[in-house]
Protein backbone atom coordinates (compact mmCIF):
# COMPACT_ATOMS: atom_id res chain seq x y z
CA MET A 1 42.68 -49.09 -21.91
CA ALA A 2 44.78 -50.62 -25.11
CA ARG A 3 47.38 -48.52 -26.78
CA ARG A 4 47.61 -48.78 -31.02
CA ARG A 5 50.39 -47.63 -32.89
CA THR A 6 50.02 -46.43 -36.12
CA VAL A 7 51.64 -48.07 -39.26
CA LEU A 8 53.37 -45.42 -41.30
CA ARG A 9 53.51 -46.91 -44.56
CA THR A 10 56.36 -45.90 -47.25
CA ALA A 11 57.85 -47.65 -49.88
CA LEU A 12 61.13 -48.83 -49.21
CA ALA A 13 61.45 -48.10 -45.20
CA ALA A 14 59.00 -49.61 -42.25
CA THR A 15 58.48 -47.11 -39.11
CA THR A 16 60.88 -47.43 -36.38
CA LEU A 17 59.39 -47.80 -32.75
CA GLY A 18 61.42 -47.76 -29.17
CA ILE A 19 59.00 -49.17 -26.50
CA ALA A 20 59.42 -48.26 -22.77
CA GLY A 21 63.17 -47.79 -22.93
CA CYS A 22 64.14 -50.71 -24.99
CA ASN A 23 66.59 -50.85 -27.89
CA ALA A 24 64.64 -49.43 -30.51
CA LEU A 25 62.83 -52.30 -32.72
CA THR A 26 61.93 -52.20 -36.63
CA LEU A 27 58.59 -53.44 -37.37
CA GLY A 28 57.22 -54.29 -40.53
CA ARG A 29 53.36 -53.58 -41.30
CA GLU A 30 52.69 -57.52 -39.78
CA ASP A 31 54.23 -56.98 -36.68
CA ASP A 32 52.49 -54.21 -35.51
CA GLU A 33 48.94 -54.93 -36.98
CA ASP A 34 50.31 -58.79 -34.43
CA VAL A 35 51.27 -56.55 -31.59
CA VAL A 36 48.30 -54.29 -31.41
CA GLU A 37 46.50 -57.65 -30.68
CA GLU A 38 48.94 -58.96 -27.86
CA GLU A 39 48.46 -55.28 -26.07
CA THR A 40 44.16 -54.63 -26.67
CA ASP A 41 44.47 -58.58 -24.77
CA THR A 42 46.91 -57.72 -22.04
CA ASP A 43 45.57 -54.49 -21.18
CA ASP A 44 41.62 -56.07 -21.11
CA GLU A 45 43.17 -58.34 -19.02
CA THR A 46 44.85 -56.51 -16.83
CA GLU A 47 41.46 -54.04 -16.46
CA SER A 48 39.70 -57.49 -15.83
CA ASP A 49 41.65 -58.26 -12.96
CA GLU A 50 41.78 -54.25 -11.73
CA ASN A 51 38.44 -54.66 -11.27
CA GLU A 52 38.43 -58.58 -9.54
CA ASP A 53 40.92 -57.12 -7.34
CA HIS A 54 38.37 -54.14 -6.45
CA GLU A 55 35.70 -56.15 -6.34
CA SER A 56 36.80 -58.35 -3.36
CA VAL A 57 38.39 -56.10 -1.34
CA GLY A 58 34.87 -54.57 -1.54
CA GLU A 59 33.21 -57.89 -0.21
CA GLN A 60 35.77 -58.36 2.21
CA ARG A 61 34.69 -54.90 3.31
CA GLY A 62 31.68 -55.16 3.37
CA GLU A 63 31.34 -58.75 5.16
CA ARG A 64 33.74 -56.91 8.23
CA VAL A 65 30.78 -54.53 8.12
CA MET A 66 28.50 -57.31 8.62
CA LYS A 67 29.75 -58.97 11.18
CA GLN A 68 30.83 -55.46 13.28
CA LEU A 69 30.24 -54.39 17.09
CA GLN A 70 30.20 -50.95 17.36
CA VAL A 71 31.28 -48.94 20.63
CA LEU A 72 30.23 -45.27 20.92
CA GLN A 73 31.67 -44.65 24.38
CA ALA A 74 33.81 -46.37 27.07
CA ARG A 75 33.28 -45.01 31.09
CA GLY A 76 35.15 -46.35 34.28
CA VAL A 77 33.72 -45.72 37.41
CA LYS A 78 35.65 -46.24 40.79
CA THR A 79 34.62 -48.55 43.64
CA ALA A 80 34.50 -48.76 47.24
CA ALA A 81 36.15 -52.53 46.94
CA ASP A 82 39.13 -50.43 44.64
CA GLY A 83 39.70 -47.25 46.18
CA ALA A 84 39.19 -43.21 45.07
CA ARG A 85 42.16 -43.44 42.77
CA GLU A 86 41.18 -46.12 41.11
CA VAL A 87 38.89 -47.38 38.09
CA GLY A 88 37.55 -50.83 39.41
CA GLY A 89 35.21 -51.57 36.88
CA VAL A 90 34.76 -49.74 33.22
CA MET A 91 31.23 -49.99 30.90
CA LEU A 92 31.02 -49.75 27.23
CA ILE A 93 27.86 -48.67 25.70
CA ALA A 94 27.35 -50.89 21.96
CA THR A 95 25.44 -51.08 19.26
CA LYS A 96 25.76 -52.90 15.99
CA ALA A 97 27.28 -51.15 12.50
CA PRO A 98 24.32 -50.37 10.45
CA GLY A 99 23.89 -53.00 8.16
CA ALA A 100 25.41 -55.67 10.22
CA GLU A 101 23.95 -58.99 11.18
CA ASP A 102 22.96 -59.94 14.55
CA ILE A 103 25.71 -60.36 17.15
CA ASP A 104 24.97 -62.79 19.55
CA LEU A 105 26.75 -61.10 23.42
CA THR A 106 27.28 -64.71 24.39
CA GLY A 107 29.14 -65.88 21.21
CA MET A 108 32.18 -62.74 21.76
CA THR A 109 35.16 -62.86 22.89
CA PHE A 110 37.46 -59.92 24.34
CA GLN A 111 41.19 -59.98 25.06
CA TRP A 112 42.08 -57.52 28.05
CA VAL A 113 45.94 -56.14 27.45
CA ASP A 114 47.79 -53.96 29.76
CA ASP A 115 50.67 -53.79 31.88
CA THR A 116 49.79 -56.64 34.38
CA GLY A 117 49.51 -59.05 31.04
CA ALA A 118 46.69 -60.52 29.31
CA TYR A 119 42.81 -61.60 30.12
CA ASP A 120 40.37 -63.87 27.98
CA VAL A 121 37.22 -62.31 29.06
CA VAL A 122 33.59 -63.85 27.88
CA HIS A 123 30.37 -63.67 28.67
CA GLU A 124 29.25 -65.04 32.17
CA ALA A 125 26.33 -66.92 30.79
CA VAL A 126 29.33 -68.99 29.19
CA TYR A 127 32.00 -68.46 31.72
CA ASP A 128 34.05 -71.49 33.20
CA GLU A 129 37.73 -71.90 34.64
CA ARG A 130 39.19 -71.71 30.78
CA ALA A 131 38.20 -67.90 30.72
CA ASP A 132 40.41 -65.64 33.01
CA GLY A 133 37.03 -63.08 34.06
CA ALA A 134 33.67 -62.49 32.69
CA PHE A 135 31.50 -59.68 31.59
CA ALA A 136 28.00 -58.95 31.91
CA HIS A 137 25.40 -56.50 30.05
CA GLU A 138 22.82 -54.18 30.96
CA ALA A 139 20.46 -53.30 27.65
CA LEU A 140 19.53 -49.60 27.73
CA THR A 141 17.37 -49.79 24.36
CA ASP A 142 15.84 -52.70 23.28
CA GLU A 143 12.16 -52.68 21.72
CA ASP A 144 12.15 -56.64 20.81
CA ASP A 145 13.38 -57.89 24.22
CA SER A 146 16.11 -59.71 22.38
CA LEU A 147 18.75 -58.44 24.80
CA SER A 148 16.98 -58.81 28.32
CA GLY A 149 13.85 -61.81 27.60
CA GLU A 150 16.25 -64.24 25.45
CA ALA A 151 18.61 -66.88 26.85
CA THR A 152 21.12 -65.74 24.04
CA PRO A 153 20.96 -61.87 24.84
CA THR A 154 21.39 -60.35 20.78
CA ILE A 155 21.84 -57.13 19.15
CA THR A 156 19.38 -57.25 16.47
CA SER A 157 19.12 -53.59 15.85
CA SER A 158 21.51 -50.61 14.87
CA ASP A 159 19.16 -48.81 17.36
CA ASP A 160 19.57 -51.06 19.72
CA ARG A 161 21.85 -50.09 22.77
CA VAL A 162 23.73 -51.89 24.98
CA MET A 163 26.39 -50.98 28.22
CA ILE A 164 29.00 -54.16 29.18
CA VAL A 165 30.45 -54.44 32.00
CA ILE A 166 33.51 -55.39 33.18
CA ASP A 167 34.77 -55.97 36.95
CA ILE A 168 38.64 -55.29 37.06
CA GLY A 169 40.81 -55.57 40.54
CA ALA A 170 39.00 -56.50 43.46
CA ALA A 171 35.32 -58.22 43.41
CA GLU A 172 32.22 -55.98 44.11
CA PRO A 173 29.78 -57.42 47.06
CA ALA A 174 26.80 -58.27 45.58
CA ASP A 175 24.60 -54.48 46.46
CA GLY A 176 27.64 -52.72 45.94
CA ASN A 177 27.11 -50.38 42.88
CA GLN A 178 26.19 -50.67 39.30
CA ILE A 179 29.29 -52.72 38.23
CA ALA A 180 28.06 -55.23 40.41
CA GLY A 181 24.41 -54.71 40.02
CA ALA A 182 24.61 -56.19 36.53
CA TYR A 183 26.79 -59.05 37.23
CA ASP A 184 23.89 -62.31 38.20
CA THR A 185 25.56 -63.66 40.91
CA SER A 186 22.82 -66.07 41.91
CA GLY A 187 24.53 -68.94 43.11
CA ARG A 188 27.66 -67.95 42.29
CA ALA A 189 30.49 -64.87 42.46
CA PRO A 190 30.97 -62.82 39.32
CA ALA A 191 35.26 -63.29 37.92
CA THR A 192 36.87 -60.72 37.86
CA ILE A 193 40.23 -59.76 36.13
CA ARG A 194 43.52 -58.57 37.72
CA GLU A 195 42.19 -59.79 40.35
CA GLY A 196 44.76 -59.06 43.21
CA LYS A 197 46.21 -56.24 41.18
CA GLY A 198 43.85 -53.76 41.83
CA GLY A 199 41.84 -51.61 39.53
CA LEU A 200 43.45 -49.09 36.62
CA ALA A 201 45.58 -46.95 38.44
CA GLU A 202 45.26 -42.94 37.37
CA GLY A 203 47.03 -42.49 34.00
CA GLU A 204 46.97 -46.51 33.21
CA THR A 205 46.26 -47.76 29.77
CA ALA A 206 44.76 -50.55 28.63
CA SER A 207 42.82 -52.46 25.36
CA ILE A 208 39.89 -54.74 24.58
CA ARG A 209 40.52 -56.70 21.18
CA ILE A 210 36.36 -57.56 21.11
CA THR A 211 36.10 -61.02 18.47
CA THR A 212 32.34 -61.70 17.30
CA ALA A 213 31.32 -65.12 16.93
CA SER A 214 32.12 -64.61 13.20
CA GLY A 215 35.77 -63.88 14.08
CA THR A 216 35.37 -60.03 13.23
CA ALA A 217 37.35 -58.39 15.73
CA SER A 218 37.57 -54.49 16.58
CA THR A 219 40.31 -53.21 19.23
CA VAL A 220 39.15 -50.18 22.10
CA GLN A 221 41.86 -48.57 23.46
CA LEU A 222 41.13 -47.32 27.55
CA VAL A 223 43.42 -44.50 28.67
CA VAL A 224 42.45 -43.25 33.19
CA PRO A 225 42.67 -39.80 33.10
CA GLU A 226 45.88 -38.75 35.32
CA SER A 227 43.66 -37.48 37.70
CA LEU A 228 40.10 -39.46 39.25
CA SER A 229 40.46 -36.51 42.49
CA GLY A 230 36.43 -35.54 42.58
CA THR A 231 34.61 -38.14 40.13
CA THR A 232 33.28 -41.43 40.43
CA ALA A 233 32.90 -41.72 36.82
CA VAL A 234 35.10 -40.88 33.73
CA ARG A 235 35.33 -41.47 29.84
CA LEU A 236 38.34 -43.59 29.15
């Protein structure tokens, strides 16, 4: 808000003001009036700039929300191919953020990072030799068949639920388990990551950076429990 100064008029002297630690300045009536006008303009401009900054930040946050994938749960599954003390497959239960735009699964890219390296992962429908591995999906809740009946599986509602599956370590046999069953293996074997390095062992960690086709990114942290004994699936 504008700051205004009261000018005290006397017959022989003008008011003396100290401003923000500066030397005192003796100002006449005309000078004081000029200062009021200048400060009013400056403060108005500052308020306008601040409002524009707030609006810009709000728009940027809204833009990110409009294109964001929301991971609700991460689970790890032990598999016969990777043994009883390793997680051989990861399943992410996901939807889109409320109010978000539709999300095409084939337009998403994952970057998996762990102690063995970094791996680029894409949907199996668009997988080629440029990627290190492929993820598959299964529709859990899909009223309009946009996830199961379309050439490009798409999350169109925040009520949709999709299970994203990533095979890690040794490749699962075609009829082996839930991980293998999610992949369309007709004509080719599923592309796993960490091939020859095994699954995630007890206590190991990994991160998945998920980027949508629009460029919006989010990161999921995975932590394997210290013991997998007596379990077939664990929350990561």
